[in-house]
Amino acid sequence: MTGFDQSFNIDAQLSAALCGQHPDVVLAMAYVPDQCWDDLYDENLALLKGTLFPDLDKPFTGRKQVRNG
């Protein structure tokens, strides 16, 4: 094992110990589907809403989510 490999292995083990995860486990793998470009806000409304896509326009209401309710 070279010095770099040994140093990297120690760093990975230390990082894992501090973060509470095993060094050989991938932290996260995200699946993000493609966004459909069917219906778009015009640029001024998109700036106001914070999104170009009406499907992503989910205003914060400050209420708790209730499932099966």
PDB file of N, CA and C in Angstrom:
ATOM      1  N   MET A   1       0.863  -1.183   0.000  1.00  0.00           N
ATOM      2  CA  MET A   1       0.000   0.000   0.000  1.00  0.00           C
ATOM      3  C   MET A   1       0.900   1.233   0.000  1.00  0.00           C
ATOM      4  N   THR A   2       0.690   2.135  -0.932  1.00  0.00           N
ATOM      5  CA  THR A   2       1.499   3.352  -0.996  1.00  0.00           C
ATOM      6  C   THR A   2       1.063   4.324   0.084  1.00  0.00           C
ATOM      7  N   GLY A   3       1.877   5.357   0.280  1.00  0.00           N
ATOM      8  CA  GLY A   3       1.548   6.361   1.290  1.00  0.00           C
ATOM      9  C   GLY A   3       0.224   7.043   1.000  1.00  0.00           C
ATOM     10  N   PHE A   4      -0.019   7.337  -0.292  1.00  0.00           N
ATOM     11  CA  PHE A   4      -1.282   7.992  -0.661  1.00  0.00           C
ATOM     12  C   PHE A   4      -2.474   7.092  -0.356  1.00  0.00           C
ATOM     13  N   ASP A   5      -2.371   5.817  -0.768  1.00  0.00           N
ATOM     14  CA  ASP A   5      -3.467   4.871  -0.530  1.00  0.00           C
ATOM     15  C   ASP A   5      -3.751   4.720   0.954  1.00  0.00           C
ATOM     16  N   GLN A   6      -2.674   4.624   1.745  1.00  0.00           N
ATOM     17  CA  GLN A   6      -2.836   4.461   3.188  1.00  0.00           C
ATOM     18  C   GLN A   6      -3.461   5.714   3.789  1.00  0.00           C
ATOM     19  N   SER A   7      -2.988   6.889   3.348  1.00  0.00           N
ATOM     20  CA  SER A   7      -3.529   8.152   3.852  1.00  0.00           C
ATOM     21  C   SER A   7      -5.004   8.288   3.483  1.00  0.00           C
ATOM     22  N   PHE A   8      -5.343   7.948   2.231  1.00  0.00           N
ATOM     23  CA  PHE A   8      -6.729   8.043   1.783  1.00  0.00           C
ATOM     24  C   PHE A   8      -7.617   7.108   2.585  1.00  0.00           C
ATOM     25  N   ASN A   9      -7.136   5.885   2.845  1.00  0.00           N
ATOM     26  CA  ASN A   9      -7.906   4.907   3.601  1.00  0.00           C
ATOM     27  C   ASN A   9      -8.149   5.397   5.023  1.00  0.00           C
ATOM     28  N   ILE A  10      -7.123   5.971   5.650  1.00  0.00           N
ATOM     29  CA  ILE A  10      -7.280   6.499   7.010  1.00  0.00           C
ATOM     30  C   ILE A  10      -8.264   7.662   7.011  1.00  0.00           C
ATOM     31  N   ASP A  11      -8.156   8.556   6.014  1.00  0.00           N
ATOM     32  CA  ASP A  11      -9.086   9.684   5.918  1.00  0.00           C
ATOM     33  C   ASP A  11     -10.520   9.198   5.738  1.00  0.00           C
ATOM     34  N   ALA A  12     -10.720   8.175   4.910  1.00  0.00           N
ATOM     35  CA  ALA A  12     -12.062   7.635   4.677  1.00  0.00           C
ATOM     36  C   ALA A  12     -12.613   7.017   5.952  1.00  0.00           C
ATOM     37  N   GLN A  13     -11.756   6.306   6.682  1.00  0.00           N
ATOM     38  CA  GLN A  13     -12.205   5.681   7.926  1.00  0.00           C
ATOM     39  C   GLN A  13     -12.545   6.736   8.974  1.00  0.00           C
ATOM     40  N   LEU A  14     -11.710   7.778   9.081  1.00  0.00           N
ATOM     41  CA  LEU A  14     -11.964   8.848  10.044  1.00  0.00           C
ATOM     42  C   LEU A  14     -13.250   9.587   9.691  1.00  0.00           C
ATOM     43  N   SER A  15     -13.413   9.898   8.412  1.00  0.00           N
ATOM     44  CA  SER A  15     -14.625  10.580   7.968  1.00  0.00           C
ATOM     45  C   SER A  15     -15.861   9.739   8.266  1.00  0.00           C
ATOM     46  N   ALA A  16     -15.779   8.454   8.005  1.00  0.00           N
ATOM     47  CA  ALA A  16     -16.908   7.561   8.262  1.00  0.00           C
ATOM     48  C   ALA A  16     -17.216   7.493   9.744  1.00  0.00           C
ATOM     49  N   ALA A  17     -16.178   7.451  10.565  1.00  0.00           N
ATOM     50  CA  ALA A  17     -16.394   7.384  12.014  1.00  0.00           C
ATOM     51  C   ALA A  17     -17.059   8.659  12.515  1.00  0.00           C
ATOM     52  N   LEU A  18     -16.632   9.794  11.988  1.00  0.00           N
ATOM     53  CA  LEU A  18     -17.210  11.068  12.423  1.00  0.00           C
ATOM     54  C   LEU A  18     -18.647  11.235  11.936  1.00  0.00           C
ATOM     55  N   CYS A  19     -18.935  10.706  10.763  1.00  0.00           N
ATOM     56  CA  CYS A  19     -20.266  10.866  10.174  1.00  0.00           C
ATOM     57  C   CYS A  19     -21.193   9.698  10.489  1.00  0.00           C
ATOM     58  N   GLY A  20     -20.691   8.656  11.116  1.00  0.00           N
ATOM     59  CA  GLY A  20     -21.531   7.525  11.487  1.00  0.00           C
ATOM     60  C   GLY A  20     -21.907   6.624  10.335  1.00  0.00           C
ATOM     61  N   GLN A  21     -21.062   6.531   9.318  1.00  0.00           N
ATOM     62  CA  GLN A  21     -21.365   5.643   8.204  1.00  0.00           C
ATOM     63  C   GLN A  21     -20.149   4.792   7.878  1.00  0.00           C
ATOM     64  N   HIS A  22     -20.391   3.674   7.237  1.00  0.00           N
ATOM     65  CA  HIS A  22     -19.324   2.766   6.844  1.00  0.00           C
ATOM     66  C   HIS A  22     -18.636   3.326   5.603  1.00  0.00           C
ATOM     67  N   PRO A  23     -17.289   3.285   5.518  1.00  0.00           N
ATOM     68  CA  PRO A  23     -16.587   3.898   4.383  1.00  0.00           C
ATOM     69  C   PRO A  23     -16.851   3.226   3.042  1.00  0.00           C
ATOM     70  N   ASP A  24     -17.336   1.993   3.027  1.00  0.00           N
ATOM     71  CA  ASP A  24     -17.574   1.289   1.770  1.00  0.00           C
ATOM     72  C   ASP A  24     -19.009   1.428   1.268  1.00  0.00           C
ATOM     73  N   VAL A  25     -19.828   2.191   1.958  1.00  0.00           N
ATOM     74  CA  VAL A  25     -21.232   2.342   1.593  1.00  0.00           C
ATOM     75  C   VAL A  25     -21.429   3.688   0.897  1.00  0.00           C
ATOM     76  N   VAL A  26     -22.111   3.670  -0.226  1.00  0.00           N
ATOM     77  CA  VAL A  26     -22.410   4.902  -0.948  1.00  0.00           C
ATOM     78  C   VAL A  26     -23.402   5.717  -0.131  1.00  0.00           C
ATOM     79  N   LEU A  27     -23.152   7.008   0.010  1.00  0.00           N
ATOM     80  CA  LEU A  27     -24.011   7.862   0.822  1.00  0.00           C
ATOM     81  C   LEU A  27     -25.423   7.948   0.245  1.00  0.00           C
ATOM     82  N   ALA A  28     -25.538   8.285  -1.025  1.00  0.00           N
ATOM     83  CA  ALA A  28     -26.872   8.431  -1.612  1.00  0.00           C
ATOM     84  C   ALA A  28     -26.784   8.310  -3.128  1.00  0.00           C
ATOM     85  N   MET A  29     -27.818   7.768  -3.709  1.00  0.00           N
ATOM     86  CA  MET A  29     -27.956   7.710  -5.155  1.00  0.00           C
ATOM     87  C   MET A  29     -29.328   8.297  -5.465  1.00  0.00           C
ATOM     88  N   ALA A  30     -29.356   9.378  -6.191  1.00  0.00           N
ATOM     89  CA  ALA A  30     -30.618  10.056  -6.476  1.00  0.00           C
ATOM     90  C   ALA A  30     -31.173   9.625  -7.830  1.00  0.00           C
ATOM     91  N   TYR A  31     -32.480   9.497  -7.886  1.00  0.00           N
ATOM     92  CA  TYR A  31     -33.169   9.285  -9.152  1.00  0.00           C
ATOM     93  C   TYR A  31     -34.002  10.526  -9.394  1.00  0.00           C
ATOM     94  N   VAL A  32     -33.704  11.222 -10.460  1.00  0.00           N
ATOM     95  CA  VAL A  32     -34.432  12.443 -10.782  1.00  0.00           C
ATOM     96  C   VAL A  32     -34.990  12.287 -12.192  1.00  0.00           C
ATOM     97  N   PRO A  33     -36.313  12.138 -12.315  1.00  0.00           N
ATOM     98  CA  PRO A  33     -36.890  11.974 -13.648  1.00  0.00           C
ATOM     99  C   PRO A  33     -36.784  13.262 -14.457  1.00  0.00           C
ATOM    100  N   ASP A  34     -36.803  13.116 -15.766  1.00  0.00           N
ATOM    101  CA  ASP A  34     -36.776  14.289 -16.637  1.00  0.00           C
ATOM    102  C   ASP A  34     -38.029  15.124 -16.429  1.00  0.00           C
ATOM    103  N   GLN A  35     -37.868  16.436 -16.477  1.00  0.00           N
ATOM    104  CA  GLN A  35     -38.996  17.352 -16.345  1.00  0.00           C
ATOM    105  C   GLN A  35     -39.658  17.519 -17.709  1.00  0.00           C
ATOM    106  N   CYS A  36     -40.962  17.353 -17.771  1.00  0.00           N
ATOM    107  CA  CYS A  36     -41.693  17.575 -19.018  1.00  0.00           C
ATOM    108  C   CYS A  36     -41.784  19.075 -19.291  1.00  0.00           C
ATOM    109  N   TRP A  37     -41.592  19.452 -20.529  1.00  0.00           N
ATOM    110  CA  TRP A  37     -41.611  20.860 -20.913  1.00  0.00           C
ATOM    111  C   TRP A  37     -42.930  21.226 -21.596  1.00  0.00           C
ATOM    112  N   ASP A  38     -44.022  20.580 -21.190  1.00  0.00           N
ATOM    113  CA  ASP A  38     -45.311  20.805 -21.837  1.00  0.00           C
ATOM    114  C   ASP A  38     -45.827  22.220 -21.637  1.00  0.00           C
ATOM    115  N   ASP A  39     -46.029  22.598 -20.397  1.00  0.00           N
ATOM    116  CA  ASP A  39     -46.667  23.856 -20.054  1.00  0.00           C
ATOM    117  C   ASP A  39     -45.674  24.674 -19.238  1.00  0.00           C
ATOM    118  N   LEU A  40     -45.357  25.883 -19.679  1.00  0.00           N
ATOM    119  CA  LEU A  40     -44.382  26.723 -18.985  1.00  0.00           C
ATOM    120  C   LEU A  40     -44.991  28.071 -18.640  1.00  0.00           C
ATOM    121  N   TYR A  41     -44.572  28.626 -17.505  1.00  0.00           N
ATOM    122  CA  TYR A  41     -44.945  30.002 -17.181  1.00  0.00           C
ATOM    123  C   TYR A  41     -44.162  30.947 -18.088  1.00  0.00           C
ATOM    124  N   ASP A  42     -44.728  32.128 -18.374  1.00  0.00           N
ATOM    125  CA  ASP A  42     -43.941  33.132 -19.080  1.00  0.00           C
ATOM    126  C   ASP A  42     -42.864  33.639 -18.117  1.00  0.00           C
ATOM    127  N   GLU A  43     -41.836  34.288 -18.645  1.00  0.00           N
ATOM    128  CA  GLU A  43     -40.659  34.609 -17.830  1.00  0.00           C
ATOM    129  C   GLU A  43     -40.963  35.504 -16.630  1.00  0.00           C
ATOM    130  N   ASN A  44     -41.874  36.463 -16.749  1.00  0.00           N
ATOM    131  CA  ASN A  44     -42.188  37.334 -15.609  1.00  0.00           C
ATOM    132  C   ASN A  44     -42.914  36.572 -14.498  1.00  0.00           C
ATOM    133  N   LEU A  45     -43.886  35.742 -14.871  1.00  0.00           N
ATOM    134  CA  LEU A  45     -44.604  34.947 -13.877  1.00  0.00           C
ATOM    135  C   LEU A  45     -43.672  33.902 -13.251  1.00  0.00           C
ATOM    136  N   ALA A  46     -42.782  33.336 -14.057  1.00  0.00           N
ATOM    137  CA  ALA A  46     -41.818  32.356 -13.544  1.00  0.00           C
ATOM    138  C   ALA A  46     -40.918  32.987 -12.482  1.00  0.00           C
ATOM    139  N   LEU A  47     -40.489  34.221 -12.690  1.00  0.00           N
ATOM    140  CA  LEU A  47     -39.670  34.907 -11.686  1.00  0.00           C
ATOM    141  C   LEU A  47     -40.458  35.146 -10.410  1.00  0.00           C
ATOM    142  N   LEU A  48     -41.723  35.485 -10.549  1.00  0.00           N
ATOM    143  CA  LEU A  48     -42.573  35.688  -9.371  1.00  0.00           C
ATOM    144  C   LEU A  48     -42.802  34.384  -8.602  1.00  0.00           C
ATOM    145  N   LYS A  49     -43.062  33.313  -9.335  1.00  0.00           N
ATOM    146  CA  LYS A  49     -43.384  32.021  -8.723  1.00  0.00           C
ATOM    147  C   LYS A  49     -42.149  31.267  -8.242  1.00  0.00           C
ATOM    148  N   GLY A  50     -40.977  31.573  -8.820  1.00  0.00           N
ATOM    149  CA  GLY A  50     -39.760  30.865  -8.450  1.00  0.00           C
ATOM    150  C   GLY A  50     -39.561  29.571  -9.209  1.00  0.00           C
ATOM    151  N   THR A  51     -40.364  29.344 -10.232  1.00  0.00           N
ATOM    152  CA  THR A  51     -40.219  28.150 -11.068  1.00  0.00           C
ATOM    153  C   THR A  51     -40.801  28.429 -12.444  1.00  0.00           C
ATOM    154  N   LEU A  52     -40.239  27.777 -13.425  1.00  0.00           N
ATOM    155  CA  LEU A  52     -40.727  27.885 -14.790  1.00  0.00           C
ATOM    156  C   LEU A  52     -41.864  26.902 -15.052  1.00  0.00           C
ATOM    157  N   PHE A  53     -41.944  25.869 -14.202  1.00  0.00           N
ATOM    158  CA  PHE A  53     -42.869  24.764 -14.429  1.00  0.00           C
ATOM    159  C   PHE A  53     -44.077  24.829 -13.490  1.00  0.00           C
ATOM    160  N   PRO A  54     -45.286  24.952 -14.021  1.00  0.00           N
ATOM    161  CA  PRO A  54     -46.474  24.953 -13.166  1.00  0.00           C
ATOM    162  C   PRO A  54     -46.594  23.694 -12.303  1.00  0.00           C
ATOM    163  N   ASP A  55     -46.118  22.556 -12.801  1.00  0.00           N
ATOM    164  CA  ASP A  55     -46.183  21.313 -12.014  1.00  0.00           C
ATOM    165  C   ASP A  55     -45.337  21.385 -10.743  1.00  0.00           C
ATOM    166  N   LEU A  56     -44.338  22.260 -10.723  1.00  0.00           N
ATOM    167  CA  LEU A  56     -43.477  22.402  -9.549  1.00  0.00           C
ATOM    168  C   LEU A  56     -43.896  23.563  -8.661  1.00  0.00           C
ATOM    169  N   ASP A  57     -44.961  24.236  -9.010  1.00  0.00           N
ATOM    170  CA  ASP A  57     -45.441  25.380  -8.233  1.00  0.00           C
ATOM    171  C   ASP A  57     -46.241  24.859  -7.045  1.00  0.00           C
ATOM    172  N   LYS A  58     -45.563  24.664  -5.949  1.00  0.00           N
ATOM    173  CA  LYS A  58     -46.169  24.124  -4.726  1.00  0.00           C
ATOM    174  C   LYS A  58     -45.966  25.143  -3.610  1.00  0.00           C
ATOM    175  N   PRO A  59     -46.853  26.113  -3.502  1.00  0.00           N
ATOM    176  CA  PRO A  59     -46.678  27.162  -2.489  1.00  0.00           C
ATOM    177  C   PRO A  59     -46.670  26.596  -1.074  1.00  0.00           C
ATOM    178  N   PHE A  60     -45.845  27.184  -0.218  1.00  0.00           N
ATOM    179  CA  PHE A  60     -45.784  26.788   1.186  1.00  0.00           C
ATOM    180  C   PHE A  60     -46.994  27.369   1.899  1.00  0.00           C
ATOM    181  N   THR A  61     -47.767  26.512   2.557  1.00  0.00           N
ATOM    182  CA  THR A  61     -48.975  26.980   3.243  1.00  0.00           C
ATOM    183  C   THR A  61     -48.793  27.057   4.747  1.00  0.00           C
ATOM    184  N   GLY A  62     -47.720  26.449   5.259  1.00  0.00           N
ATOM    185  CA  GLY A  62     -47.482  26.493   6.697  1.00  0.00           C
ATOM    186  C   GLY A  62     -48.345  25.536   7.492  1.00  0.00           C
ATOM    187  N   ARG A  63     -49.018  24.619   6.811  1.00  0.00           N
ATOM    188  CA  ARG A  63     -49.855  23.635   7.503  1.00  0.00           C
ATOM    189  C   ARG A  63     -49.197  22.272   7.472  1.00  0.00           C
ATOM    190  N   LYS A  64     -49.501  21.460   8.456  1.00  0.00           N
ATOM    191  CA  LYS A  64     -48.964  20.112   8.537  1.00  0.00           C
ATOM    192  C   LYS A  64     -49.626  19.222   7.490  1.00  0.00           C
ATOM    193  N   GLN A  65     -48.820  18.390   6.852  1.00  0.00           N
ATOM    194  CA  GLN A  65     -49.343  17.432   5.879  1.00  0.00           C
ATOM    195  C   GLN A  65     -50.102  16.337   6.612  1.00  0.00           C
ATOM    196  N   VAL A  66     -51.303  16.019   6.145  1.00  0.00           N
ATOM    197  CA  VAL A  66     -52.095  14.946   6.743  1.00  0.00           C
ATOM    198  C   VAL A  66     -52.248  13.852   5.701  1.00  0.00           C
ATOM    199  N   ARG A  67     -51.808  12.648   6.047  1.00  0.00           N
ATOM    200  CA  ARG A  67     -51.935  11.521   5.121  1.00  0.00           C
ATOM    201  C   ARG A  67     -53.251  10.799   5.360  1.00  0.00           C
ATOM    202  N   ASN A  68     -53.833  10.324   4.291  1.00  0.00           N
ATOM    203  CA  ASN A  68     -55.092   9.570   4.355  1.00  0.00           C
ATOM    204  C   ASN A  68     -56.176  10.355   5.075  1.00  0.00           C
ATOM    205  N   GLY A  69     -56.149  11.645   4.914  1.00  0.00           N
ATOM    206  CA  GLY A  69     -57.127  12.446   5.622  1.00  0.00           C
ATOM    207  C   GLY A  69     -58.014  13.115   4.690  1.00  0.00           C
TER     208      GLY A  69
END
